[in-house]
Amino acid sequence: MRTTRSMLEFMKKKILIPSLLVVGLGGFLAFRSASTEGKTIPETRRQLILNTIMKALNEGHYAPRDLNDSFSVRVWSRYLEQLDYGKQYFTASEINSLKTYQYQLDDALKSGDTKFFDAADAFFVKSIDRAEGYAKDALKAPFSFVAADSIMLSGDKIAYAANDAALQDRWRKAMKYRVLLKYVELKDAQTKDSTGAKKKTDAELEADARTSVGKNQTAFFRRMHKLDEAQRFAIYVNAVTGSEDPHTDYFPPKDKQRFDEAMAGSFSGIGAQLKEEDGKIQIVSIIAGSPSWKQGELKANDEILKIGQGTAEPEDVQGWDIDDVVGKIRGKKGTEVRLTIRRQDGSQKVIPIIRGDVLMEETFAKSALIQGKNGPIGYITLPEFYADFTTRNGRHCAPDVAIEIEKLKQAGAKSIIFDLRNNGGGSLSDVVDIAGFFIDKGPVVQVKSAQAAPMTLSDDAPGTLFDGPLIVMINNGSASASEIFAAAIQDYHRGLIVGTNSFGKGTVQKLVNLEEVLDPITRMKLSASGEQPMGALKLTMQKFYRVNGGSTQLRGVAPDIVLPDAYELLDEIGERKDKSALQWDQITPLSISAANSVSGVSTLAARSKARLASNEAFRIIESSALKMKAREDGKAQPLNEKVYRQEVAEANALNKRLEEIEKAGTPISVASLKADDAQVNRDSTTVKKNQDWLKNMKKDVYLSETVQIMNDLAGTSLTGSR
């Protein structure tokens, strides 16, 4: 069931790793929101916060939008969507009564007026009690799962309920769907039980399912009631900032302890980035070398349904706040946590993970040697463009990548695959340096501030570290600095870009304390009053442009050779998912001397396409992509047990077959470098870690096909045009 979007602690913006807040997809820090003390905010403080934010947006944003009726409608719609994405709280008549503010918010924001927030908030507070009552009533009577009934889970595909009766029926269907999922689970578990325990009837199992869902809903509404006015007001403020662009966010006074922990360098947990969106807890990405990465089954976009401690009965966490979920996932090192997840194709799986330390060294550049038809192929993976600016001579990724390149050359590598999949970005100076390892001196990226001429960042060192065949792997998780690198390699015709279209984040943000925006007198008065700080604003201030003049914003980088991805068809993936995203544009291209080191791209792409057509793994991936797209486009979910089971069985069969293919391995032969023997063989832990890494590479169907492309590329002439 989809529940309220962006309510509990700004769920849409918050990205967490158990015990650590980390860099998100766009390469910037996401902070946990700290509650303002007290249940209400004085009107004068509300006005001060809004006025200060509007001043910061107007004076500092890269492309501040005009405060007009269009912006007013954007804020109005965004706020109501964040309060009630699933259209389960407001009725059509309540929304209509709020339409009087639809074209007034531009003027209200200029004056600090918050009448719209007060009106909408009053409706929302009452709606929580009403929704809780509807949910409880729906769970009182048994459900039957034999009728041809269905539910639409996508809030943007349905209208607001016409009246209270229609809203109550919406909650009845929502509860029926939740109970169906739990009922099927209990029924299947009983079928598999071989202990000889007394079997329950279907009616008893259905009653147990309703009881379980009821407990979960009680916990959910308890958290909803705890959402105080200060937190609800911050949601409204974020509707304003988010209407400028998706990466401009308001943070109430941040949790300093959590921020310090984020900078510490290591943490304990399972090593999975989580996000809370639309009432669901989803996996954003897996940290390289972490317990989740070693276990190998948890994937990005998986939704966490239940959490179990070892063999104990798992708890249903659907609708839980992300902090509560993190609390259940965290635990003593060496203990087991079992996550029941649902993939986007509807299949479910129980994944056991042994908790352990996640060392940040696992995000550092790393290399291996793959046997190719035309000589050894060097492989470098770079999970992020890391840079330690806080320590004298702190570690940076550019020198590390240079070391890996030299080691690969010494090992006889004739070509290099540079893997930037799921690399969310990082240090701009380092990406410029790394691009310079593969191209002769010249511009790498253009950075433009508002009302200013573009600034060109260039590699000024003549020559290259490596001038052989090069392939850069990207996917929809490759963002920001990753896109700058891939775009430069593509614009210089230096190498092939392989994979799926990148994320499309071509903007730069800066964290601004709101007190810094105040005039000196107001700042002194605020300080003397002893009030809490007003918080901070993550503000979009610059935009990236390629050497060819095109922005990486929104469109990202299109690969030269496309490899099918299960998520490539989804509108909710990448920068394009948000209507307020800044648009693509272009500026004057720069004059460069192209390397022209790749020829016959169309031929290489045709050969890859032919291989993919006979590759069962990629056929399954394409089939999964179509199923996920159908779900996103608003395909109704069945409330009939038989139909539901058929859909789940199809999805599970596809996933099982893909897992079998991955387990069997790919044709590639990969080994760690002899230069790394001392580090790899340091102890049993490092030996096992390296074995796991190599094993995962051999299961990687994308890497396997990229190796085949490199075999084709290295076997062609290295001169000519694209």
Foldseek 3Di string as FASTA:
>chain_A
DFWAFLFQQGQFQAKDDQLAFEQALQRDTGFGFDFFPDQADDLVLLLLLLQLVVLCLVPFFQDRDDLFLVLLQQLLVLLVCNGGVQLLQDAPVLNVVLCVRSGPVSVCSNRSNDVSVVSVVVSSLVSLVLSLVLLVVLLPDFDDFADFDFFWRGSVVDDHHNDSVSSSVNSNRVLLVQLLVQLVVVVVVQVPDPPPDDDDDSRVSSNVSSVQVNVLSVQLSVSVNVRGHRSSSLSSVQSSQCLQPPQKHFGFAGDVVNVVSNVPFKDKFQAFMWGAGSQWIFTQQGQFLGQCVLLPDHGGGWTFQWKDWPPDDTHGQRSHDPVVVSVRRDDDAQTKMWTWTAHLLGAIDIGITGIGMDGNCSQAKAWWWWQAPVWIEIEIEHQEQDDDPPDDVTDGRQVVVLVSLVLCVVVPHQEYEYEHELHSYYDQLSLQSNLCQADAKDFQKWKDFHPDDIDTDIDPHGDHNDQGEYEYEYEQSRHDSSLSSVLSCVVLLRYFYEEAFYQFDFWDWDKAFSLVSDDPVVSVVCVVVVGDGRGIITHTGMGMAGLQFKGCHPRGDGGLAYQFALARLDCCGHSSVDPSHDDIDGDHHHDDNRPQQFPDSVVLNVVLVVVLVPDLLSVLSVVSSVSSNCSNVGDIGTSRSVVNVVSNVVVVVSVVVNVVQLQVFAPMDMDHRPVCVCVCVVDPSSVSSRVSVVSNCRSDPSNRSVSVSVSVRNVDGRHDHD
